[in-house]
Amino acid sequence: LLEKSRASTLVYRERQIEKLKKLKDEYENINKIVQRPTANLGEKEFLYYSVWYMSAMHIMVSISKYQTTQAISQKLQLDTQIVEESLQALKSFGLIQFDNGKWIFNSSEIHVAKDSPLVNFHHNNWRQRALIDAQKKKTDSIHFTVVQSLSNEVWEQIKNKLLQFIEEFSKVAGPSPAEEMVCMNFDFFKV
């Protein structure tokens, strides 16, 4: 910032502005904040992100009460054949395993980058699930939407707080015991 303010030529000033932009983009890179492996673009990734229940089942089997096909089918309200086929696919991907009659979580989280063509599937799938949850009017769920004007300074403040929260969430949620499956969606953008 100091170099930018002291720049005596337009070319040097623009170079400093570009450096600042790169630093800001790196700071706001959620891939680095959550520190999870990024998903590839293969057939398994397309299948995984094409429907909401693949990622749900992947995470769900980390919870001891949801390690059977029947328990998952009941919780997700899906046909047992769909659940079984999906679990077999997740097993073939190396994400879960079957041991002693139970499905077991086998791998850490994966993350689809914001520049991946799969990210829109993933966001859309879980936002649809959030809308369904909102319609159920559960008292412990939080759904909040606001459209509002604000200053650019406040925009940056809120965006930074959300990025910090995502980092804090990852640090706390990662080592947490698996008892419940949750979905968290953040939508904060300029219109």
C-alpha atoms as a PDB file:
ATOM      1  CA  LEU A   1       0.000   0.000   0.000  1.00  0.00           C
ATOM      2  CA  LEU A   2       2.851   2.334   0.831  1.00  0.00           C
ATOM      3  CA  GLU A   3       4.595   1.576  -2.475  1.00  0.00           C
ATOM      4  CA  LYS A   4       1.330   2.205  -4.319  1.00  0.00           C
ATOM      5  CA  SER A   5       0.812   5.551  -2.606  1.00  0.00           C
ATOM      6  CA  ARG A   6       4.424   6.601  -3.342  1.00  0.00           C
ATOM      7  CA  ALA A   7       4.436   5.468  -6.968  1.00  0.00           C
ATOM      8  CA  SER A   8       5.721   8.245  -9.210  1.00  0.00           C
ATOM      9  CA  THR A   9       4.836   6.601 -12.520  1.00  0.00           C
ATOM     10  CA  LEU A  10       1.557   5.188 -13.718  1.00  0.00           C
ATOM     11  CA  VAL A  11       3.195   1.899 -14.795  1.00  0.00           C
ATOM     12  CA  TYR A  12       4.743   1.334 -11.355  1.00  0.00           C
ATOM     13  CA  ARG A  13       1.470   2.257  -9.618  1.00  0.00           C
ATOM     14  CA  GLU A  14      -0.473  -0.223 -11.798  1.00  0.00           C
ATOM     15  CA  ARG A  15       2.101  -2.926 -11.002  1.00  0.00           C
ATOM     16  CA  GLN A  16       1.600  -2.303  -7.270  1.00  0.00           C
ATOM     17  CA  ILE A  17      -2.182  -2.386  -7.704  1.00  0.00           C
ATOM     18  CA  GLU A  18      -1.857  -5.748  -9.482  1.00  0.00           C
ATOM     19  CA  LYS A  19       0.325  -7.103  -6.636  1.00  0.00           C
ATOM     20  CA  LEU A  20      -2.252  -5.956  -4.087  1.00  0.00           C
ATOM     21  CA  LYS A  21      -5.029  -7.608  -6.085  1.00  0.00           C
ATOM     22  CA  LYS A  22      -3.105 -10.919  -6.151  1.00  0.00           C
ATOM     23  CA  LEU A  23      -2.523 -10.740  -2.394  1.00  0.00           C
ATOM     24  CA  LYS A  24      -6.209 -10.041  -1.799  1.00  0.00           C
ATOM     25  CA  ASP A  25      -7.285 -12.897  -4.094  1.00  0.00           C
ATOM     26  CA  GLU A  26      -4.928 -15.263  -2.266  1.00  0.00           C
ATOM     27  CA  TYR A  27      -6.281 -14.143   1.121  1.00  0.00           C
ATOM     28  CA  GLU A  28      -9.867 -14.729  -0.066  1.00  0.00           C
ATOM     29  CA  ASN A  29      -9.127 -18.146  -1.599  1.00  0.00           C
ATOM     30  CA  ILE A  30     -11.463 -20.528   0.226  1.00  0.00           C
ATOM     31  CA  ASN A  31      -9.423 -23.518  -1.004  1.00  0.00           C
ATOM     32  CA  LYS A  32      -6.556 -22.330   1.189  1.00  0.00           C
ATOM     33  CA  ILE A  33      -8.849 -21.416   4.081  1.00  0.00           C
ATOM     34  CA  VAL A  34     -10.502 -24.837   4.368  1.00  0.00           C
ATOM     35  CA  GLN A  35      -7.317 -26.749   3.447  1.00  0.00           C
ATOM     36  CA  ARG A  36      -9.070 -29.678   1.814  1.00  0.00           C
ATOM     37  CA  PRO A  37      -8.006 -31.575  -1.290  1.00  0.00           C
ATOM     38  CA  THR A  38      -9.564 -30.153  -4.440  1.00  0.00           C
ATOM     39  CA  ALA A  39     -11.796 -32.417  -6.524  1.00  0.00           C
ATOM     40  CA  ASN A  40     -10.654 -33.444 -10.009  1.00  0.00           C
ATOM     41  CA  LEU A  41     -12.883 -33.467 -13.081  1.00  0.00           C
ATOM     42  CA  GLY A  42     -13.254 -37.194 -13.644  1.00  0.00           C
ATOM     43  CA  GLU A  43     -16.319 -39.397 -13.961  1.00  0.00           C
ATOM     44  CA  LYS A  44     -16.493 -40.072 -10.217  1.00  0.00           C
ATOM     45  CA  GLU A  45     -16.448 -36.350  -9.416  1.00  0.00           C
ATOM     46  CA  PHE A  46     -19.241 -35.666 -11.903  1.00  0.00           C
ATOM     47  CA  LEU A  47     -21.322 -38.439 -10.336  1.00  0.00           C
ATOM     48  CA  TYR A  48     -20.474 -37.265  -6.796  1.00  0.00           C
ATOM     49  CA  TYR A  49     -21.512 -33.656  -7.424  1.00  0.00           C
ATOM     50  CA  SER A  50     -24.445 -34.349  -9.761  1.00  0.00           C
ATOM     51  CA  VAL A  51     -26.847 -35.139  -6.897  1.00  0.00           C
ATOM     52  CA  TRP A  52     -27.027 -33.947  -3.308  1.00  0.00           C
ATOM     53  CA  TYR A  53     -27.262 -37.366  -1.734  1.00  0.00           C
ATOM     54  CA  MET A  54     -23.826 -38.601  -2.817  1.00  0.00           C
ATOM     55  CA  SER A  55     -21.999 -36.073  -0.639  1.00  0.00           C
ATOM     56  CA  ALA A  56     -24.655 -36.539   2.058  1.00  0.00           C
ATOM     57  CA  MET A  57     -24.070 -40.296   2.224  1.00  0.00           C
ATOM     58  CA  HIS A  58     -20.290 -39.849   2.095  1.00  0.00           C
ATOM     59  CA  ILE A  59     -20.379 -37.691   5.214  1.00  0.00           C
ATOM     60  CA  MET A  60     -23.334 -39.432   6.847  1.00  0.00           C
ATOM     61  CA  VAL A  61     -21.523 -42.771   7.314  1.00  0.00           C
ATOM     62  CA  SER A  62     -19.093 -40.992   9.667  1.00  0.00           C
ATOM     63  CA  ILE A  63     -22.012 -40.936  12.151  1.00  0.00           C
ATOM     64  CA  SER A  64     -22.369 -44.322  13.856  1.00  0.00           C
ATOM     65  CA  LYS A  65     -26.184 -44.423  13.743  1.00  0.00           C
ATOM     66  CA  TYR A  66     -26.140 -43.961   9.929  1.00  0.00           C
ATOM     67  CA  GLN A  67     -23.861 -46.775   8.859  1.00  0.00           C
ATOM     68  CA  THR A  68     -26.448 -49.112   7.349  1.00  0.00           C
ATOM     69  CA  THR A  69     -28.307 -48.833   4.077  1.00  0.00           C
ATOM     70  CA  GLN A  70     -31.652 -48.923   5.899  1.00  0.00           C
ATOM     71  CA  ALA A  71     -30.739 -46.162   8.373  1.00  0.00           C
ATOM     72  CA  ILE A  72     -29.473 -43.920   5.572  1.00  0.00           C
ATOM     73  CA  SER A  73     -32.541 -44.654   3.453  1.00  0.00           C
ATOM     74  CA  GLN A  74     -34.864 -43.688   6.307  1.00  0.00           C
ATOM     75  CA  LYS A  75     -32.963 -40.529   7.251  1.00  0.00           C
ATOM     76  CA  LEU A  76     -32.646 -39.227   3.680  1.00  0.00           C
ATOM     77  CA  GLN A  77     -36.086 -40.537   2.645  1.00  0.00           C
ATOM     78  CA  LEU A  78     -34.599 -42.290  -0.399  1.00  0.00           C
ATOM     79  CA  ASP A  79     -35.351 -45.700  -1.888  1.00  0.00           C
ATOM     80  CA  THR A  80     -32.996 -48.364  -0.534  1.00  0.00           C
ATOM     81  CA  GLN A  81     -31.926 -49.334  -4.068  1.00  0.00           C
ATOM     82  CA  ILE A  82     -30.732 -45.766  -4.776  1.00  0.00           C
ATOM     83  CA  VAL A  83     -28.942 -45.698  -1.424  1.00  0.00           C
ATOM     84  CA  GLU A  84     -27.253 -49.060  -2.013  1.00  0.00           C
ATOM     85  CA  GLU A  85     -26.128 -48.126  -5.541  1.00  0.00           C
ATOM     86  CA  SER A  86     -24.788 -44.794  -4.288  1.00  0.00           C
ATOM     87  CA  LEU A  87     -22.939 -46.414  -1.399  1.00  0.00           C
ATOM     88  CA  GLN A  88     -21.375 -48.930  -3.780  1.00  0.00           C
ATOM     89  CA  ALA A  89     -20.255 -46.065  -6.025  1.00  0.00           C
ATOM     90  CA  LEU A  90     -18.761 -44.209  -3.053  1.00  0.00           C
ATOM     91  CA  LYS A  91     -16.968 -47.413  -2.084  1.00  0.00           C
ATOM     92  CA  SER A  92     -15.550 -47.798  -5.607  1.00  0.00           C
ATOM     93  CA  PHE A  93     -14.290 -44.192  -5.366  1.00  0.00           C
ATOM     94  CA  GLY A  94     -12.417 -45.072  -2.168  1.00  0.00           C
ATOM     95  CA  LEU A  95     -14.427 -42.601  -0.085  1.00  0.00           C
ATOM     96  CA  ILE A  96     -16.148 -45.197   2.129  1.00  0.00           C
ATOM     97  CA  GLN A  97     -15.736 -48.887   2.886  1.00  0.00           C
ATOM     98  CA  PHE A  98     -17.968 -51.747   3.997  1.00  0.00           C
ATOM     99  CA  ASP A  99     -16.836 -53.625   7.100  1.00  0.00           C
ATOM    100  CA  ASN A 100     -18.727 -55.983   9.420  1.00  0.00           C
ATOM    101  CA  GLY A 101     -22.104 -55.059   7.937  1.00  0.00           C
ATOM    102  CA  LYS A 102     -21.526 -51.303   8.279  1.00  0.00           C
ATOM    103  CA  TRP A 103     -20.554 -48.524   5.932  1.00  0.00           C
ATOM    104  CA  ILE A 104     -17.500 -46.679   7.242  1.00  0.00           C
ATOM    105  CA  PHE A 105     -16.163 -43.230   6.369  1.00  0.00           C
ATOM    106  CA  ASN A 106     -12.818 -43.782   4.663  1.00  0.00           C
ATOM    107  CA  SER A 107     -11.479 -40.468   3.490  1.00  0.00           C
ATOM    108  CA  SER A 108     -11.255 -36.870   4.481  1.00  0.00           C
ATOM    109  CA  GLU A 109     -13.329 -34.155   2.917  1.00  0.00           C
ATOM    110  CA  ILE A 110     -12.956 -33.079  -0.675  1.00  0.00           C
ATOM    111  CA  HIS A 111     -13.471 -29.575  -1.933  1.00  0.00           C
ATOM    112  CA  VAL A 112     -14.672 -28.396  -5.315  1.00  0.00           C
ATOM    113  CA  ALA A 113     -12.904 -25.182  -6.327  1.00  0.00           C
ATOM    114  CA  LYS A 114     -14.864 -22.084  -7.324  1.00  0.00           C
ATOM    115  CA  ASP A 115     -13.511 -22.278 -10.894  1.00  0.00           C
ATOM    116  CA  SER A 116     -14.632 -25.895 -11.368  1.00  0.00           C
ATOM    117  CA  PRO A 117     -17.634 -26.575 -13.609  1.00  0.00           C
ATOM    118  CA  LEU A 118     -18.867 -28.872 -10.808  1.00  0.00           C
ATOM    119  CA  VAL A 119     -19.190 -26.119  -8.216  1.00  0.00           C
ATOM    120  CA  ASN A 120     -22.520 -24.901  -9.586  1.00  0.00           C
ATOM    121  CA  PHE A 121     -24.015 -28.397  -9.271  1.00  0.00           C
ATOM    122  CA  HIS A 122     -22.830 -28.631  -5.679  1.00  0.00           C
ATOM    123  CA  HIS A 123     -24.096 -25.188  -4.661  1.00  0.00           C
ATOM    124  CA  ASN A 124     -27.419 -25.701  -6.424  1.00  0.00           C
ATOM    125  CA  ASN A 125     -27.988 -29.142  -4.882  1.00  0.00           C
ATOM    126  CA  TRP A 126     -27.488 -27.908  -1.330  1.00  0.00           C
ATOM    127  CA  ARG A 127     -29.368 -24.662  -1.777  1.00  0.00           C
ATOM    128  CA  GLN A 128     -32.349 -26.680  -2.961  1.00  0.00           C
ATOM    129  CA  ARG A 129     -32.031 -28.775   0.188  1.00  0.00           C
ATOM    130  CA  ALA A 130     -31.910 -25.562   2.257  1.00  0.00           C
ATOM    131  CA  LEU A 131     -35.155 -24.391   0.641  1.00  0.00           C
ATOM    132  CA  ILE A 132     -36.808 -27.714   1.442  1.00  0.00           C
ATOM    133  CA  ASP A 133     -35.591 -27.426   5.042  1.00  0.00           C
ATOM    134  CA  ALA A 134     -36.908 -23.841   5.272  1.00  0.00           C
ATOM    135  CA  GLN A 135     -40.357 -25.028   4.183  1.00  0.00           C
ATOM    136  CA  LYS A 136     -40.417 -27.524   7.047  1.00  0.00           C
ATOM    137  CA  LYS A 137     -40.130 -24.595   9.491  1.00  0.00           C
ATOM    138  CA  LYS A 138     -37.812 -26.421  11.863  1.00  0.00           C
ATOM    139  CA  THR A 139     -37.203 -24.361  14.972  1.00  0.00           C
ATOM    140  CA  ASP A 140     -33.491 -25.200  15.198  1.00  0.00           C
ATOM    141  CA  SER A 141     -32.679 -24.275  11.578  1.00  0.00           C
ATOM    142  CA  ILE A 142     -31.516 -20.826  10.551  1.00  0.00           C
ATOM    143  CA  HIS A 143     -32.547 -19.359   7.200  1.00  0.00           C
ATOM    144  CA  PHE A 144     -31.855 -15.706   6.543  1.00  0.00           C
ATOM    145  CA  THR A 145     -32.145 -13.664   3.373  1.00  0.00           C
ATOM    146  CA  VAL A 146     -31.715  -9.927   3.099  1.00  0.00           C
ATOM    147  CA  VAL A 147     -31.277  -7.620   0.141  1.00  0.00           C
ATOM    148  CA  GLN A 148     -29.813  -4.333   1.244  1.00  0.00           C
ATOM    149  CA  SER A 149     -27.555  -1.486   0.199  1.00  0.00           C
ATOM    150  CA  LEU A 150     -24.316  -0.765   2.029  1.00  0.00           C
ATOM    151  CA  SER A 151     -20.977   0.965   1.564  1.00  0.00           C
ATOM    152  CA  ASN A 152     -17.986  -0.656  -0.126  1.00  0.00           C
ATOM    153  CA  GLU A 153     -16.135  -0.431   3.180  1.00  0.00           C
ATOM    154  CA  VAL A 154     -18.854  -2.387   5.003  1.00  0.00           C
ATOM    155  CA  TRP A 155     -18.960  -4.871   2.095  1.00  0.00           C
ATOM    156  CA  GLU A 156     -15.259  -5.619   2.669  1.00  0.00           C
ATOM    157  CA  GLN A 157     -15.729  -5.857   6.442  1.00  0.00           C
ATOM    158  CA  ILE A 158     -18.552  -8.374   6.157  1.00  0.00           C
ATOM    159  CA  LYS A 159     -16.770 -10.397   3.474  1.00  0.00           C
ATOM    160  CA  ASN A 160     -13.659 -10.614   5.664  1.00  0.00           C
ATOM    161  CA  LYS A 161     -15.728 -11.687   8.677  1.00  0.00           C
ATOM    162  CA  LEU A 162     -17.363 -14.439   6.608  1.00  0.00           C
ATOM    163  CA  LEU A 163     -13.960 -15.666   5.401  1.00  0.00           C
ATOM    164  CA  GLN A 164     -12.691 -15.667   8.999  1.00  0.00           C
ATOM    165  CA  PHE A 165     -15.787 -17.575  10.087  1.00  0.00           C
ATOM    166  CA  ILE A 166     -15.232 -20.196   7.369  1.00  0.00           C
ATOM    167  CA  GLU A 167     -11.670 -20.644   8.616  1.00  0.00           C
ATOM    168  CA  GLU A 168     -12.837 -20.921  12.254  1.00  0.00           C
ATOM    169  CA  PHE A 169     -15.616 -23.331  11.246  1.00  0.00           C
ATOM    170  CA  SER A 170     -13.099 -25.600   9.491  1.00  0.00           C
ATOM    171  CA  LYS A 171     -10.779 -25.623  12.502  1.00  0.00           C
ATOM    172  CA  VAL A 172     -13.575 -26.512  14.934  1.00  0.00           C
ATOM    173  CA  ALA A 173     -15.753 -28.768  12.774  1.00  0.00           C
ATOM    174  CA  GLY A 174     -12.916 -30.883  11.368  1.00  0.00           C
ATOM    175  CA  PRO A 175     -11.826 -32.510  14.653  1.00  0.00           C
ATOM    176  CA  SER A 176     -15.368 -32.553  16.082  1.00  0.00           C
ATOM    177  CA  PRO A 177     -16.936 -35.975  16.815  1.00  0.00           C
ATOM    178  CA  ALA A 178     -19.409 -37.048  14.112  1.00  0.00           C
ATOM    179  CA  GLU A 179     -22.888 -36.858  15.686  1.00  0.00           C
ATOM    180  CA  GLU A 180     -25.003 -34.841  13.249  1.00  0.00           C
ATOM    181  CA  MET A 181     -24.743 -33.977   9.573  1.00  0.00           C
ATOM    182  CA  VAL A 182     -25.187 -30.296   8.740  1.00  0.00           C
ATOM    183  CA  CYS A 183     -25.177 -28.048   5.708  1.00  0.00           C
ATOM    184  CA  MET A 184     -23.959 -24.471   5.778  1.00  0.00           C
ATOM    185  CA  ASN A 185     -24.547 -22.178   2.796  1.00  0.00           C
ATOM    186  CA  PHE A 186     -23.181 -18.684   2.535  1.00  0.00           C
ATOM    187  CA  ASP A 187     -24.486 -16.429  -0.186  1.00  0.00           C
ATOM    188  CA  PHE A 188     -23.062 -12.956   0.006  1.00  0.00           C
ATOM    189  CA  PHE A 189     -22.626 -11.122  -3.296  1.00  0.00           C
ATOM    190  CA  LYS A 190     -22.978  -7.801  -5.024  1.00  0.00           C
ATOM    191  CA  VAL A 191     -25.998  -7.403  -7.309  1.00  0.00           C
END
